[in-house]
Each structure stands twice: as structure tokens, then as C-alpha cells.
PDB file of all heavy atoms in Angstrom:
ATOM      1  N   GLU A   1      -4.333  -3.032 -28.805  1.00  0.00           N
ATOM      2  CA  GLU A   1      -3.968  -1.663 -28.409  1.00  0.00           C
ATOM      3  C   GLU A   1      -5.211  -0.808 -28.179  1.00  0.00           C
ATOM      4  O   GLU A   1      -5.281  -0.049 -27.206  1.00  0.00           O
ATOM      5  CB  GLU A   1      -3.084  -1.048 -29.483  1.00  0.00           C
ATOM      6  CG  GLU A   1      -2.567   0.341 -29.119  1.00  0.00           C
ATOM      7  CD  GLU A   1      -1.637   0.899 -30.173  1.00  0.00           C
ATOM      8  OE1 GLU A   1      -1.273   0.157 -31.109  1.00  0.00           O
ATOM      9  OE2 GLU A   1      -1.279   2.087 -30.065  1.00  0.00           O
ATOM     10  N   ARG A   2      -6.203  -0.933 -29.044  1.00  0.00           N
ATOM     11  CA  ARG A   2      -7.430  -0.161 -28.872  1.00  0.00           C
ATOM     12  C   ARG A   2      -8.193  -0.613 -27.632  1.00  0.00           C
ATOM     13  O   ARG A   2      -8.744   0.212 -26.894  1.00  0.00           O
ATOM     14  CB  ARG A   2      -8.312  -0.281 -30.110  1.00  0.00           C
ATOM     15  CG  ARG A   2      -7.731   0.354 -31.368  1.00  0.00           C
ATOM     16  CD  ARG A   2      -8.736   0.329 -32.499  1.00  0.00           C
ATOM     17  NE  ARG A   2      -9.880   1.183 -32.226  1.00  0.00           N
ATOM     18  CZ  ARG A   2     -11.032   1.115 -32.866  1.00  0.00           C
ATOM     19  NH1 ARG A   2     -11.200   0.197 -33.795  1.00  0.00           N
ATOM     20  NH2 ARG A   2     -12.019   1.931 -32.562  1.00  0.00           N
ATOM     21  N   LEU A   3      -8.216  -1.927 -27.396  1.00  0.00           N
ATOM     22  CA  LEU A   3      -8.877  -2.437 -26.202  1.00  0.00           C
ATOM     23  C   LEU A   3      -8.225  -1.910 -24.936  1.00  0.00           C
ATOM     24  O   LEU A   3      -8.900  -1.604 -23.945  1.00  0.00           O
ATOM     25  CB  LEU A   3      -8.831  -3.968 -26.197  1.00  0.00           C
ATOM     26  CG  LEU A   3      -9.934  -4.710 -26.943  1.00  0.00           C
ATOM     27  CD1 LEU A   3      -9.642  -6.198 -26.977  1.00  0.00           C
ATOM     28  CD2 LEU A   3     -11.282  -4.457 -26.282  1.00  0.00           C
ATOM     29  N   ALA A   4      -6.901  -1.812 -24.965  1.00  0.00           N
ATOM     30  CA  ALA A   4      -6.178  -1.346 -23.783  1.00  0.00           C
ATOM     31  C   ALA A   4      -6.567   0.077 -23.400  1.00  0.00           C
ATOM     32  O   ALA A   4      -6.400   0.481 -22.235  1.00  0.00           O
ATOM     33  CB  ALA A   4      -4.666  -1.426 -24.024  1.00  0.00           C
ATOM     34  N   HIS A   5      -7.084   0.859 -24.351  1.00  0.00           N
ATOM     35  CA  HIS A   5      -7.529   2.217 -24.059  1.00  0.00           C
ATOM     36  C   HIS A   5      -8.999   2.263 -23.629  1.00  0.00           C
ATOM     37  O   HIS A   5      -9.480   3.307 -23.193  1.00  0.00           O
ATOM     38  CB  HIS A   5      -7.334   3.115 -25.289  1.00  0.00           C
ATOM     39  CG  HIS A   5      -5.900   3.423 -25.588  1.00  0.00           C
ATOM     40  ND1 HIS A   5      -5.134   2.606 -26.394  1.00  0.00           N
ATOM     41  CD2 HIS A   5      -5.095   4.436 -25.189  1.00  0.00           C
ATOM     42  CE1 HIS A   5      -3.910   3.123 -26.487  1.00  0.00           C
ATOM     43  NE2 HIS A   5      -3.857   4.222 -25.768  1.00  0.00           N
ATOM     44  N   LEU A   6      -9.705   1.122 -23.774  1.00  0.00           N
ATOM     45  CA  LEU A   6     -11.130   1.102 -23.475  1.00  0.00           C
ATOM     46  C   LEU A   6     -11.467   0.388 -22.170  1.00  0.00           C
ATOM     47  O   LEU A   6     -12.496   0.678 -21.558  1.00  0.00           O
ATOM     48  CB  LEU A   6     -11.896   0.429 -24.623  1.00  0.00           C
ATOM     49  CG  LEU A   6     -11.866   1.142 -25.980  1.00  0.00           C
ATOM     50  CD1 LEU A   6     -12.532   0.263 -27.042  1.00  0.00           C
ATOM     51  CD2 LEU A   6     -12.567   2.492 -25.905  1.00  0.00           C
ATOM     52  N   VAL A   7     -10.629  -0.564 -21.772  1.00  0.00           N
ATOM     53  CA  VAL A   7     -10.921  -1.369 -20.583  1.00  0.00           C
ATOM     54  C   VAL A   7      -9.703  -1.363 -19.663  1.00  0.00           C
ATOM     55  O   VAL A   7      -8.577  -1.091 -20.103  1.00  0.00           O
ATOM     56  CB  VAL A   7     -11.280  -2.817 -20.980  1.00  0.00           C
ATOM     57  CG1 VAL A   7     -12.518  -2.833 -21.871  1.00  0.00           C
ATOM     58  CG2 VAL A   7     -10.120  -3.496 -21.689  1.00  0.00           C
ATOM     59  N   PRO A   8      -9.905  -1.669 -18.371  1.00  0.00           N
ATOM     60  CA  PRO A   8      -8.785  -1.616 -17.422  1.00  0.00           C
ATOM     61  C   PRO A   8      -7.664  -2.608 -17.707  1.00  0.00           C
ATOM     62  O   PRO A   8      -6.490  -2.299 -17.497  1.00  0.00           O
ATOM     63  CB  PRO A   8      -9.459  -1.922 -16.074  1.00  0.00           C
ATOM     64  CG  PRO A   8     -10.893  -1.584 -16.270  1.00  0.00           C
ATOM     65  CD  PRO A   8     -11.199  -1.898 -17.699  1.00  0.00           C
ATOM     66  N   ALA A   9      -8.004  -3.831 -18.171  1.00  0.00           N
ATOM     67  CA  ALA A   9      -6.967  -4.848 -18.363  1.00  0.00           C
ATOM     68  C   ALA A   9      -7.342  -5.781 -19.504  1.00  0.00           C
ATOM     69  O   ALA A   9      -8.507  -6.120 -19.689  1.00  0.00           O
ATOM     70  CB  ALA A   9      -6.767  -5.657 -17.078  1.00  0.00           C
ATOM     71  N   VAL A  10      -6.321  -6.204 -20.271  1.00  0.00           N
ATOM     72  CA  VAL A  10      -6.495  -7.154 -21.372  1.00  0.00           C
ATOM     73  C   VAL A  10      -5.464  -8.262 -21.198  1.00  0.00           C
ATOM     74  O   VAL A  10      -4.271  -7.996 -21.042  1.00  0.00           O
ATOM     75  CB  VAL A  10      -6.303  -6.487 -22.751  1.00  0.00           C
ATOM     76  CG1 VAL A  10      -6.507  -7.515 -23.867  1.00  0.00           C
ATOM     77  CG2 VAL A  10      -7.251  -5.318 -22.919  1.00  0.00           C
ATOM     78  N   PHE A  11      -5.926  -9.514 -21.227  1.00  0.00           N
ATOM     79  CA  PHE A  11      -5.029 -10.669 -21.148  1.00  0.00           C
ATOM     80  C   PHE A  11      -5.128 -11.430 -22.460  1.00  0.00           C
ATOM     81  O   PHE A  11      -6.203 -11.912 -22.831  1.00  0.00           O
ATOM     82  CB  PHE A  11      -5.403 -11.586 -19.987  1.00  0.00           C
ATOM     83  CG  PHE A  11      -4.531 -12.810 -19.871  1.00  0.00           C
ATOM     84  CD1 PHE A  11      -3.258 -12.724 -19.326  1.00  0.00           C
ATOM     85  CD2 PHE A  11      -4.970 -14.046 -20.326  1.00  0.00           C
ATOM     86  CE1 PHE A  11      -2.445 -13.841 -19.220  1.00  0.00           C
ATOM     87  CE2 PHE A  11      -4.174 -15.173 -20.229  1.00  0.00           C
ATOM     88  CZ  PHE A  11      -2.896 -15.075 -19.671  1.00  0.00           C
ATOM     89  N   VAL A  12      -4.014 -11.534 -23.178  1.00  0.00           N
ATOM     90  CA  VAL A  12      -3.982 -12.231 -24.459  1.00  0.00           C
ATOM     91  C   VAL A  12      -3.387 -13.617 -24.240  1.00  0.00           C
ATOM     92  O   VAL A  12      -2.226 -13.749 -23.864  1.00  0.00           O
ATOM     93  CB  VAL A  12      -3.155 -11.458 -25.504  1.00  0.00           C
ATOM     94  CG1 VAL A  12      -3.150 -12.197 -26.834  1.00  0.00           C
ATOM     95  CG2 VAL A  12      -3.716 -10.049 -25.692  1.00  0.00           C
ATOM     96  N   ALA A  13      -4.211 -14.638 -24.444  1.00  0.00           N
ATOM     97  CA  ALA A  13      -3.798 -16.012 -24.179  1.00  0.00           C
ATOM     98  C   ALA A  13      -3.285 -16.688 -25.440  1.00  0.00           C
ATOM     99  O   ALA A  13      -3.726 -16.374 -26.549  1.00  0.00           O
ATOM    100  CB  ALA A  13      -4.977 -16.815 -23.619  1.00  0.00           C
ATOM    101  N   GLN A  14      -2.353 -17.600 -25.259  1.00  0.00           N
ATOM    102  CA  GLN A  14      -1.831 -18.398 -26.371  1.00  0.00           C
ATOM    103  C   GLN A  14      -1.473 -19.778 -25.852  1.00  0.00           C
ATOM    104  O   GLN A  14      -0.874 -19.909 -24.786  1.00  0.00           O
ATOM    105  CB  GLN A  14      -0.605 -17.755 -27.010  1.00  0.00           C
ATOM    106  CG  GLN A  14      -0.072 -18.516 -28.218  1.00  0.00           C
ATOM    107  CD  GLN A  14       1.154 -17.862 -28.825  1.00  0.00           C
ATOM    108  OE1 GLN A  14       1.930 -17.216 -28.129  1.00  0.00           O
ATOM    109  NE2 GLN A  14       1.345 -18.025 -30.125  1.00  0.00           N
ATOM    110  N   ALA A  15      -1.848 -20.813 -26.591  1.00  0.00           N
ATOM    111  CA  ALA A  15      -1.526 -22.186 -26.212  1.00  0.00           C
ATOM    112  C   ALA A  15      -1.144 -22.960 -27.456  1.00  0.00           C
ATOM    113  O   ALA A  15      -1.737 -22.782 -28.511  1.00  0.00           O
ATOM    114  CB  ALA A  15      -2.707 -22.850 -25.513  1.00  0.00           C
ATOM    115  N   ARG A  16      -0.147 -23.817 -27.332  1.00  0.00           N
ATOM    116  CA  ARG A  16       0.309 -24.620 -28.459  1.00  0.00           C
ATOM    117  C   ARG A  16       0.248 -26.122 -28.165  1.00  0.00           C
ATOM    118  O   ARG A  16       0.236 -26.931 -29.088  1.00  0.00           O
ATOM    119  CB  ARG A  16       1.748 -24.221 -28.831  1.00  0.00           C
ATOM    120  CG  ARG A  16       1.844 -22.857 -29.519  1.00  0.00           C
ATOM    121  CD  ARG A  16       1.287 -22.940 -30.921  1.00  0.00           C
ATOM    122  NE  ARG A  16       1.328 -21.665 -31.625  1.00  0.00           N
ATOM    123  CZ  ARG A  16       0.307 -20.836 -31.727  1.00  0.00           C
ATOM    124  NH1 ARG A  16      -0.847 -21.157 -31.167  1.00  0.00           N
ATOM    125  NH2 ARG A  16       0.406 -19.698 -32.373  1.00  0.00           N
ATOM    126  N   THR A  17       0.223 -26.498 -26.877  1.00  0.00           N
ATOM    127  CA  THR A  17       0.204 -27.909 -26.513  1.00  0.00           C
ATOM    128  C   THR A  17      -0.859 -28.143 -25.449  1.00  0.00           C
ATOM    129  O   THR A  17      -1.368 -27.207 -24.824  1.00  0.00           O
ATOM    130  CB  THR A  17       1.566 -28.363 -25.969  1.00  0.00           C
ATOM    131  OG1 THR A  17       1.801 -27.740 -24.699  1.00  0.00           O
ATOM    132  CG2 THR A  17       2.697 -27.998 -26.927  1.00  0.00           C
ATOM    133  N   LEU A  18      -1.185 -29.403 -25.207  1.00  0.00           N
ATOM    134  CA  LEU A  18      -2.159 -29.745 -24.178  1.00  0.00           C
ATOM    135  C   LEU A  18      -1.647 -29.370 -22.789  1.00  0.00           C
ATOM    136  O   LEU A  18      -2.441 -29.090 -21.885  1.00  0.00           O
ATOM    137  CB  LEU A  18      -2.478 -31.241 -24.236  1.00  0.00           C
ATOM    138  CG  LEU A  18      -3.114 -31.744 -25.540  1.00  0.00           C
ATOM    139  CD1 LEU A  18      -3.399 -33.238 -25.449  1.00  0.00           C
ATOM    140  CD2 LEU A  18      -4.396 -30.976 -25.857  1.00  0.00           C
ATOM    141  N   GLU A  19      -0.330 -29.357 -22.613  1.00  0.00           N
ATOM    142  CA  GLU A  19       0.232 -28.971 -21.322  1.00  0.00           C
ATOM    143  C   GLU A  19       0.047 -27.479 -21.034  1.00  0.00           C
ATOM    144  O   GLU A  19       0.184 -27.038 -19.892  1.00  0.00           O
ATOM    145  CB  GLU A  19       1.728 -29.320 -21.264  1.00  0.00           C
ATOM    146  CG  GLU A  19       2.019 -30.759 -20.881  1.00  0.00           C
ATOM    147  CD  GLU A  19       1.658 -31.742 -21.984  1.00  0.00           C
ATOM    148  OE1 GLU A  19       1.574 -31.311 -23.157  1.00  0.00           O
ATOM    149  OE2 GLU A  19       1.468 -32.934 -21.678  1.00  0.00           O
ATOM    150  N   ASP A  20      -0.257 -26.694 -22.057  1.00  0.00           N
ATOM    151  CA  ASP A  20      -0.477 -25.264 -21.853  1.00  0.00           C
ATOM    152  C   ASP A  20      -1.812 -24.978 -21.170  1.00  0.00           C
ATOM    153  O   ASP A  20      -2.011 -23.892 -20.629  1.00  0.00           O
ATOM    154  CB  ASP A  20      -0.445 -24.520 -23.194  1.00  0.00           C
ATOM    155  CG  ASP A  20       0.960 -24.370 -23.733  1.00  0.00           C
ATOM    156  OD1 ASP A  20       1.903 -24.318 -22.923  1.00  0.00           O
ATOM    157  OD2 ASP A  20       1.116 -24.315 -24.968  1.00  0.00           O
ATOM    158  N   VAL A  21      -2.741 -25.929 -21.201  1.00  0.00           N
ATOM    159  CA  VAL A  21      -4.082 -25.686 -20.654  1.00  0.00           C
ATOM    160  C   VAL A  21      -4.044 -25.360 -19.165  1.00  0.00           C
ATOM    161  O   VAL A  21      -4.582 -24.325 -18.745  1.00  0.00           O
ATOM    162  CB  VAL A  21      -5.007 -26.882 -20.950  1.00  0.00           C
ATOM    163  CG1 VAL A  21      -6.357 -26.692 -20.249  1.00  0.00           C
ATOM    164  CG2 VAL A  21      -5.211 -27.031 -22.450  1.00  0.00           C
ATOM    165  N   PRO A  22      -3.443 -26.193 -18.295  1.00  0.00           N
ATOM    166  CA  PRO A  22      -3.411 -25.827 -16.874  1.00  0.00           C
ATOM    167  C   PRO A  22      -2.614 -24.558 -16.598  1.00  0.00           C
ATOM    168  O   PRO A  22      -2.922 -23.826 -15.654  1.00  0.00           O
ATOM    169  CB  PRO A  22      -2.783 -27.059 -16.200  1.00  0.00           C
ATOM    170  CG  PRO A  22      -2.091 -27.800 -17.288  1.00  0.00           C
ATOM    171  CD  PRO A  22      -2.863 -27.534 -18.530  1.00  0.00           C
ATOM    172  N   ARG A  23      -1.600 -24.289 -17.430  1.00  0.00           N
ATOM    173  CA  ARG A  23      -0.843 -23.045 -17.256  1.00  0.00           C
ATOM    174  C   ARG A  23      -1.741 -21.840 -17.466  1.00  0.00           C
ATOM    175  O   ARG A  23      -1.738 -20.890 -16.660  1.00  0.00           O
ATOM    176  CB  ARG A  23       0.340 -23.007 -18.234  1.00  0.00           C
ATOM    177  CG  ARG A  23       1.093 -21.684 -18.242  1.00  0.00           C
ATOM    178  CD  ARG A  23       2.178 -21.679 -19.314  1.00  0.00           C
ATOM    179  NE  ARG A  23       1.646 -21.825 -20.649  1.00  0.00           N
ATOM    180  CZ  ARG A  23       1.107 -20.830 -21.345  1.00  0.00           C
ATOM    181  NH1 ARG A  23       0.975 -19.615 -20.812  1.00  0.00           N
ATOM    182  NH2 ARG A  23       0.662 -21.038 -22.571  1.00  0.00           N
ATOM    183  N   LEU A  24      -2.516 -21.860 -18.549  1.00  0.00           N
ATOM    184  CA  LEU A  24      -3.435 -20.758 -18.815  1.00  0.00           C
ATOM    185  C   LEU A  24      -4.547 -20.695 -17.773  1.00  0.00           C
ATOM    186  O   LEU A  24      -4.972 -19.609 -17.369  1.00  0.00           O
ATOM    187  CB  LEU A  24      -4.042 -20.901 -20.209  1.00  0.00           C
ATOM    188  CG  LEU A  24      -3.185 -20.445 -21.385  1.00  0.00           C
ATOM    189  CD1 LEU A  24      -3.929 -20.665 -22.688  1.00  0.00           C
ATOM    190  CD2 LEU A  24      -2.801 -18.982 -21.243  1.00  0.00           C
ATOM    191  N   LEU A  25      -5.016 -21.854 -17.346  1.00  0.00           N
ATOM    192  CA  LEU A  25      -6.063 -21.897 -16.332  1.00  0.00           C
ATOM    193  C   LEU A  25      -5.594 -21.225 -15.050  1.00  0.00           C
ATOM    194  O   LEU A  25      -6.329 -20.449 -14.432  1.00  0.00           O
ATOM    195  CB  LEU A  25      -6.455 -23.354 -16.062  1.00  0.00           C
ATOM    196  CG  LEU A  25      -7.694 -23.589 -15.196  1.00  0.00           C
ATOM    197  CD1 LEU A  25      -8.931 -22.976 -15.850  1.00  0.00           C
ATOM    198  CD2 LEU A  25      -7.903 -25.088 -14.981  1.00  0.00           C
ATOM    199  N   ALA A  26      -4.355 -21.491 -14.659  1.00  0.00           N
ATOM    200  CA  ALA A  26      -3.810 -20.876 -13.452  1.00  0.00           C
ATOM    201  C   ALA A  26      -3.641 -19.371 -13.627  1.00  0.00           C
ATOM    202  O   ALA A  26      -3.941 -18.581 -12.715  1.00  0.00           O
ATOM    203  CB  ALA A  26      -2.476 -21.526 -13.094  1.00  0.00           C
ATOM    204  N   ALA A  27      -3.177 -18.954 -14.795  1.00  0.00           N
ATOM    205  CA  ALA A  27      -2.964 -17.523 -15.039  1.00  0.00           C
ATOM    206  C   ALA A  27      -4.281 -16.762 -15.029  1.00  0.00           C
ATOM    207  O   ALA A  27      -4.396 -15.694 -14.405  1.00  0.00           O
ATOM    208  CB  ALA A  27      -2.247 -17.322 -16.377  1.00  0.00           C
ATOM    209  N   ILE A  28      -5.292 -17.296 -15.693  1.00  0.00           N
ATOM    210  CA  ILE A  28      -6.600 -16.629 -15.742  1.00  0.00           C
ATOM    211  C   ILE A  28      -7.268 -16.677 -14.377  1.00  0.00           C
ATOM    212  O   ILE A  28      -7.910 -15.712 -13.945  1.00  0.00           O
ATOM    213  CB  ILE A  28      -7.493 -17.270 -16.819  1.00  0.00           C
ATOM    214  CG1 ILE A  28      -6.878 -17.035 -18.205  1.00  0.00           C
ATOM    215  CG2 ILE A  28      -8.907 -16.699 -16.772  1.00  0.00           C
ATOM    216  CD1 ILE A  28      -7.570 -17.777 -19.320  1.00  0.00           C
ATOM    217  N   GLY A  29      -7.107 -17.797 -13.667  1.00  0.00           N
ATOM    218  CA  GLY A  29      -7.656 -17.892 -12.322  1.00  0.00           C
ATOM    219  C   GLY A  29      -7.063 -16.849 -11.388  1.00  0.00           C
ATOM    220  O   GLY A  29      -7.774 -16.253 -10.572  1.00  0.00           O
ATOM    221  N   ALA A  30      -5.756 -16.621 -11.522  1.00  0.00           N
ATOM    222  CA  ALA A  30      -5.109 -15.607 -10.687  1.00  0.00           C
ATOM    223  C   ALA A  30      -5.660 -14.217 -10.986  1.00  0.00           C
ATOM    224  O   ALA A  30      -5.884 -13.412 -10.071  1.00  0.00           O
ATOM    225  CB  ALA A  30      -3.598 -15.648 -10.908  1.00  0.00           C
TER     226      ALA A  30
END
């Protein structure tokens, strides 16, 4: 919440399995 007031955008990532890696890679790449 504090970061959201200091910078334009915050992306909070979460992964639980190895299959989550390409999903996060695509999201961050976008």
C-alpha cells in the first residue's frame, strides 16, 4: 500500500508450481 503511493505501478508476483514460471514471465514481460 505504501509503495502504491510512491511509484506508478506495483506488481506482486506469486508462484506455487514450476508451471507458474512461464505464466509470471509472460505477465512481467507484458
